[in-house]
């Protein structure tokens, strides 16, 4: 950079731009917008991921289960509309069934161990929803939108110590 620091170099470069440079940059931006646009939802997914980086939590592992369903026709139908995943961490294990509803919304049925008093939050690109697991560890979320989601499980052990577990991103 010819012996200049970065700030001086940027200031020098800004002074050298004229109207034709601005026009060229606008044309390049238009070309990118037309031929290689930013994918729908990318900005929201990035913001969603960055939000989670600030949390101090235990990150769970994720396993997708392919459950066999009786009959060839029903197996194909079930695999298209229902998935089951397991979220495992040191302090809690959760089985989650994700079902696409006829109206294209998503229903999530979950079972957590240990479950009594477990707070469950689903983080979505456009906000979050909360519920609490019943005494058997069961919880439900209805009418969720399709898209990326993370599950946050808030547990308290017998000694009163709180722990938070976050799942990897799951596509609903």
C-alpha atoms as a PDB file:
ATOM      1  CA  UNK A   1       0.000   0.000   0.000  1.00  0.00           C
ATOM      2  CA  UNK A   2       2.848   2.343  -0.772  1.00  0.00           C
ATOM      3  CA  UNK A   3       3.748   3.005   2.876  1.00  0.00           C
ATOM      4  CA  UNK A   4       0.252   4.194   3.875  1.00  0.00           C
ATOM      5  CA  UNK A   5      -1.839   2.709   6.635  1.00  0.00           C
ATOM      6  CA  UNK A   6      -5.229   1.147   5.772  1.00  0.00           C
ATOM      7  CA  UNK A   7      -7.304   4.195   6.807  1.00  0.00           C
ATOM      8  CA  UNK A   8      -5.187   6.516   4.630  1.00  0.00           C
ATOM      9  CA  UNK A   9      -5.436   4.095   1.709  1.00  0.00           C
ATOM     10  CA  UNK A  10      -9.244   3.912   2.013  1.00  0.00           C
ATOM     11  CA  UNK A  11      -9.533   7.703   2.198  1.00  0.00           C
ATOM     12  CA  UNK A  12      -7.315   8.024  -0.893  1.00  0.00           C
ATOM     13  CA  UNK A  13      -9.391   5.441  -2.786  1.00  0.00           C
ATOM     14  CA  UNK A  14     -12.655   7.219  -1.893  1.00  0.00           C
ATOM     15  CA  UNK A  15     -11.308  10.500  -3.256  1.00  0.00           C
ATOM     16  CA  UNK A  16     -10.426   8.848  -6.546  1.00  0.00           C
ATOM     17  CA  UNK A  17     -13.989   7.619  -7.273  1.00  0.00           C
ATOM     18  CA  UNK A  18     -16.012   9.761  -9.651  1.00  0.00           C
ATOM     19  CA  UNK A  19     -19.498   9.564 -11.189  1.00  0.00           C
ATOM     20  CA  UNK A  20     -18.433   7.002 -13.801  1.00  0.00           C
ATOM     21  CA  UNK A  21     -17.074   4.762 -11.013  1.00  0.00           C
ATOM     22  CA  UNK A  22     -20.367   5.035  -9.148  1.00  0.00           C
ATOM     23  CA  UNK A  23     -22.279   4.148 -12.329  1.00  0.00           C
ATOM     24  CA  UNK A  24     -20.058   1.123 -12.928  1.00  0.00           C
ATOM     25  CA  UNK A  25     -20.518  -0.067  -9.325  1.00  0.00           C
ATOM     26  CA  UNK A  26     -24.309   0.295  -9.674  1.00  0.00           C
ATOM     27  CA  UNK A  27     -24.227  -1.761 -12.891  1.00  0.00           C
ATOM     28  CA  UNK A  28     -22.196  -4.485 -11.164  1.00  0.00           C
ATOM     29  CA  UNK A  29     -24.657  -4.544  -8.248  1.00  0.00           C
ATOM     30  CA  UNK A  30     -27.585  -4.826 -10.687  1.00  0.00           C
ATOM     31  CA  UNK A  31     -25.870  -7.704 -12.512  1.00  0.00           C
ATOM     32  CA  UNK A  32     -25.331  -9.573  -9.242  1.00  0.00           C
ATOM     33  CA  UNK A  33     -28.935  -8.950  -8.219  1.00  0.00           C
ATOM     34  CA  UNK A  34     -30.160 -10.360 -11.532  1.00  0.00           C
ATOM     35  CA  UNK A  35     -27.779 -13.288 -12.112  1.00  0.00           C
ATOM     36  CA  UNK A  36     -26.661 -14.266  -8.590  1.00  0.00           C
ATOM     37  CA  UNK A  37     -29.160 -12.851  -6.076  1.00  0.00           C
ATOM     38  CA  UNK A  38     -28.880 -13.347  -2.332  1.00  0.00           C
ATOM     39  CA  UNK A  39     -30.923 -16.486  -1.528  1.00  0.00           C
ATOM     40  CA  UNK A  40     -34.285 -15.912   0.144  1.00  0.00           C
ATOM     41  CA  UNK A  41     -33.966 -16.081   3.919  1.00  0.00           C
ATOM     42  CA  UNK A  42     -30.156 -15.967   3.970  1.00  0.00           C
ATOM     43  CA  UNK A  43     -29.975 -12.754   5.984  1.00  0.00           C
ATOM     44  CA  UNK A  44     -32.457 -14.110   8.542  1.00  0.00           C
ATOM     45  CA  UNK A  45     -30.545 -17.410   8.849  1.00  0.00           C
ATOM     46  CA  UNK A  46     -27.270 -15.542   9.413  1.00  0.00           C
ATOM     47  CA  UNK A  47     -28.850 -13.321  12.071  1.00  0.00           C
ATOM     48  CA  UNK A  48     -30.366 -16.413  13.688  1.00  0.00           C
ATOM     49  CA  UNK A  49     -26.981 -18.170  13.861  1.00  0.00           C
ATOM     50  CA  UNK A  50     -25.189 -15.094  15.211  1.00  0.00           C
ATOM     51  CA  UNK A  51     -27.769 -14.670  17.980  1.00  0.00           C
ATOM     52  CA  UNK A  52     -26.965 -18.137  19.289  1.00  0.00           C
ATOM     53  CA  UNK A  53     -23.211 -17.495  19.371  1.00  0.00           C
ATOM     54  CA  UNK A  54     -23.667 -15.175  22.353  1.00  0.00           C
ATOM     55  CA  UNK A  55     -25.236 -17.871  24.519  1.00  0.00           C
ATOM     56  CA  UNK A  56     -23.173 -19.883  26.987  1.00  0.00           C
ATOM     57  CA  UNK A  57     -24.868 -23.252  26.636  1.00  0.00           C
ATOM     58  CA  UNK A  58     -24.301 -26.937  26.179  1.00  0.00           C
ATOM     59  CA  UNK A  59     -24.644 -27.832  22.491  1.00  0.00           C
ATOM     60  CA  UNK A  60     -26.402 -31.099  21.805  1.00  0.00           C
ATOM     61  CA  UNK A  61     -25.739 -33.594  19.035  1.00  0.00           C
ATOM     62  CA  UNK A  62     -28.406 -34.482  16.523  1.00  0.00           C
ATOM     63  CA  UNK A  63     -29.332 -37.855  15.052  1.00  0.00           C
ATOM     64  CA  UNK A  64     -32.039 -38.355  12.440  1.00  0.00           C
ATOM     65  CA  UNK A  65     -33.900 -41.635  12.704  1.00  0.00           C
ATOM     66  CA  UNK A  66     -35.468 -43.359   9.720  1.00  0.00           C
ATOM     67  CA  UNK A  67     -38.322 -45.277  11.264  1.00  0.00           C
ATOM     68  CA  UNK A  68     -39.811 -48.067   9.173  1.00  0.00           C
ATOM     69  CA  UNK A  69     -43.537 -47.809   8.638  1.00  0.00           C
ATOM     70  CA  UNK A  70     -45.666 -50.815   7.649  1.00  0.00           C
ATOM     71  CA  UNK A  71     -46.534 -51.076   3.945  1.00  0.00           C
ATOM     72  CA  UNK A  72     -44.655 -49.681   0.950  1.00  0.00           C
ATOM     73  CA  UNK A  73     -47.137 -46.904   0.234  1.00  0.00           C
ATOM     74  CA  UNK A  74     -47.341 -45.675   3.821  1.00  0.00           C
ATOM     75  CA  UNK A  75     -43.536 -45.716   4.187  1.00  0.00           C
ATOM     76  CA  UNK A  76     -43.137 -43.345   1.233  1.00  0.00           C
ATOM     77  CA  UNK A  77     -45.874 -41.064   2.513  1.00  0.00           C
ATOM     78  CA  UNK A  78     -44.532 -41.024   6.069  1.00  0.00           C
ATOM     79  CA  UNK A  79     -40.975 -40.199   4.997  1.00  0.00           C
ATOM     80  CA  UNK A  80     -42.248 -37.185   3.056  1.00  0.00           C
ATOM     81  CA  UNK A  81     -44.319 -35.750   5.928  1.00  0.00           C
ATOM     82  CA  UNK A  82     -42.770 -36.969   9.205  1.00  0.00           C
ATOM     83  CA  UNK A  83     -39.197 -37.116  10.507  1.00  0.00           C
ATOM     84  CA  UNK A  84     -37.866 -38.134  13.884  1.00  0.00           C
ATOM     85  CA  UNK A  85     -34.640 -36.766  15.335  1.00  0.00           C
ATOM     86  CA  UNK A  86     -32.890 -37.274  18.652  1.00  0.00           C
ATOM     87  CA  UNK A  87     -31.152 -34.386  20.416  1.00  0.00           C
ATOM     88  CA  UNK A  88     -28.599 -35.691  22.903  1.00  0.00           C
ATOM     89  CA  UNK A  89     -26.566 -33.821  25.514  1.00  0.00           C
ATOM     90  CA  UNK A  90     -24.981 -34.723  28.827  1.00  0.00           C
ATOM     91  CA  UNK A  91     -27.887 -33.372  30.871  1.00  0.00           C
ATOM     92  CA  UNK A  92     -30.902 -34.218  28.677  1.00  0.00           C
ATOM     93  CA  UNK A  93     -31.992 -36.407  25.749  1.00  0.00           C
ATOM     94  CA  UNK A  94     -34.941 -35.458  23.580  1.00  0.00           C
ATOM     95  CA  UNK A  95     -36.801 -37.331  20.851  1.00  0.00           C
ATOM     96  CA  UNK A  96     -38.507 -34.932  18.419  1.00  0.00           C
ATOM     97  CA  UNK A  97     -41.016 -35.868  15.743  1.00  0.00           C
ATOM     98  CA  UNK A  98     -41.485 -33.236  13.022  1.00  0.00           C
ATOM     99  CA  UNK A  99     -44.728 -33.536  11.044  1.00  0.00           C
ATOM    100  CA  UNK A 100     -45.814 -31.463   8.055  1.00  0.00           C
ATOM    101  CA  UNK A 101     -49.534 -30.716   8.390  1.00  0.00           C
ATOM    102  CA  UNK A 102     -52.021 -30.526   5.464  1.00  0.00           C
ATOM    103  CA  UNK A 103     -51.938 -26.709   5.678  1.00  0.00           C
ATOM    104  CA  UNK A 104     -48.086 -26.815   5.268  1.00  0.00           C
ATOM    105  CA  UNK A 105     -47.508 -25.795   8.892  1.00  0.00           C
ATOM    106  CA  UNK A 106     -45.257 -27.907  11.081  1.00  0.00           C
ATOM    107  CA  UNK A 107     -46.168 -29.780  14.272  1.00  0.00           C
ATOM    108  CA  UNK A 108     -43.431 -30.845  16.663  1.00  0.00           C
ATOM    109  CA  UNK A 109     -44.032 -33.554  19.264  1.00  0.00           C
ATOM    110  CA  UNK A 110     -41.223 -34.027  21.739  1.00  0.00           C
ATOM    111  CA  UNK A 111     -40.306 -36.279  24.648  1.00  0.00           C
ATOM    112  CA  UNK A 112     -37.441 -35.321  26.952  1.00  0.00           C
ATOM    113  CA  UNK A 113     -35.602 -37.246  29.674  1.00  0.00           C
ATOM    114  CA  UNK A 114     -35.510 -35.962  32.343  1.00  0.00           C
ATOM    115  CA  UNK A 115     -38.652 -34.076  31.470  1.00  0.00           C
ATOM    116  CA  UNK A 116     -40.623 -32.866  34.464  1.00  0.00           C
ATOM    117  CA  UNK A 117     -40.391 -29.072  34.669  1.00  0.00           C
ATOM    118  CA  UNK A 118     -38.233 -28.804  31.550  1.00  0.00           C
ATOM    119  CA  UNK A 119     -38.686 -25.501  29.731  1.00  0.00           C
ATOM    120  CA  UNK A 120     -38.623 -25.876  25.960  1.00  0.00           C
ATOM    121  CA  UNK A 121     -38.090 -23.052  23.499  1.00  0.00           C
ATOM    122  CA  UNK A 122     -38.008 -23.271  19.722  1.00  0.00           C
ATOM    123  CA  UNK A 123     -35.974 -20.522  18.052  1.00  0.00           C
ATOM    124  CA  UNK A 124     -37.230 -19.608  14.595  1.00  0.00           C
ATOM    125  CA  UNK A 125     -35.961 -17.106  12.058  1.00  0.00           C
ATOM    126  CA  UNK A 126     -38.831 -14.759  12.904  1.00  0.00           C
ATOM    127  CA  UNK A 127     -38.973 -15.242  16.694  1.00  0.00           C
ATOM    128  CA  UNK A 128     -39.378 -17.951  19.278  1.00  0.00           C
ATOM    129  CA  UNK A 129     -42.078 -19.961  21.048  1.00  0.00           C
ATOM    130  CA  UNK A 130     -42.005 -21.430  24.550  1.00  0.00           C
ATOM    131  CA  UNK A 131     -43.684 -24.284  26.347  1.00  0.00           C
ATOM    132  CA  UNK A 132     -43.017 -26.599  29.274  1.00  0.00           C
ATOM    133  CA  UNK A 133     -42.724 -30.369  29.240  1.00  0.00           C
ATOM    134  CA  UNK A 134     -45.293 -32.252  31.305  1.00  0.00           C
ATOM    135  CA  UNK A 135     -44.371 -34.698  34.104  1.00  0.00           C
ATOM    136  CA  UNK A 136     -43.597 -37.382  31.491  1.00  0.00           C
ATOM    137  CA  UNK A 137     -41.350 -35.040  29.488  1.00  0.00           C
ATOM    138  CA  UNK A 138     -43.838 -34.545  26.639  1.00  0.00           C
ATOM    139  CA  UNK A 139     -44.201 -31.207  24.818  1.00  0.00           C
ATOM    140  CA  UNK A 140     -45.884 -29.998  21.622  1.00  0.00           C
ATOM    141  CA  UNK A 141     -45.526 -27.056  19.259  1.00  0.00           C
ATOM    142  CA  UNK A 142     -48.301 -26.537  16.685  1.00  0.00           C
ATOM    143  CA  UNK A 143     -48.469 -24.261  13.647  1.00  0.00           C
ATOM    144  CA  UNK A 144     -44.732 -23.674  13.267  1.00  0.00           C
ATOM    145  CA  UNK A 145     -43.450 -22.302   9.956  1.00  0.00           C
ATOM    146  CA  UNK A 146     -41.151 -24.416   7.800  1.00  0.00           C
ATOM    147  CA  UNK A 147     -37.508 -23.352   7.953  1.00  0.00           C
ATOM    148  CA  UNK A 148     -34.484 -23.519  10.223  1.00  0.00           C
ATOM    149  CA  UNK A 149     -35.053 -23.961  13.949  1.00  0.00           C
ATOM    150  CA  UNK A 150     -33.097 -24.675  17.102  1.00  0.00           C
ATOM    151  CA  UNK A 151     -34.493 -26.153  20.267  1.00  0.00           C
ATOM    152  CA  UNK A 152     -33.389 -24.739  23.614  1.00  0.00           C
ATOM    153  CA  UNK A 153     -34.007 -26.919  26.646  1.00  0.00           C
ATOM    154  CA  UNK A 154     -33.914 -25.267  30.077  1.00  0.00           C
ATOM    155  CA  UNK A 155     -33.476 -27.842  32.849  1.00  0.00           C
ATOM    156  CA  UNK A 156     -33.002 -27.682  36.599  1.00  0.00           C
ATOM    157  CA  UNK A 157     -31.463 -30.693  38.355  1.00  0.00           C
ATOM    158  CA  UNK A 158     -32.391 -32.080  41.797  1.00  0.00           C
ATOM    159  CA  UNK A 159     -29.854 -29.749  43.444  1.00  0.00           C
ATOM    160  CA  UNK A 160     -31.435 -26.693  41.794  1.00  0.00           C
ATOM    161  CA  UNK A 161     -28.594 -26.145  39.313  1.00  0.00           C
ATOM    162  CA  UNK A 162     -29.845 -24.768  36.003  1.00  0.00           C
ATOM    163  CA  UNK A 163     -28.532 -25.925  32.649  1.00  0.00           C
ATOM    164  CA  UNK A 164     -29.350 -24.935  29.098  1.00  0.00           C
ATOM    165  CA  UNK A 165     -28.968 -27.209  26.085  1.00  0.00           C
ATOM    166  CA  UNK A 166     -29.189 -25.999  22.482  1.00  0.00           C
ATOM    167  CA  UNK A 167     -29.762 -28.312  19.550  1.00  0.00           C
ATOM    168  CA  UNK A 168     -27.976 -27.910  16.244  1.00  0.00           C
ATOM    169  CA  UNK A 169     -30.091 -26.283  13.531  1.00  0.00           C
ATOM    170  CA  UNK A 170     -32.944 -28.504  12.382  1.00  0.00           C
ATOM    171  CA  UNK A 171     -34.846 -27.854   9.175  1.00  0.00           C
ATOM    172  CA  UNK A 172     -38.564 -27.926   9.936  1.00  0.00           C
END
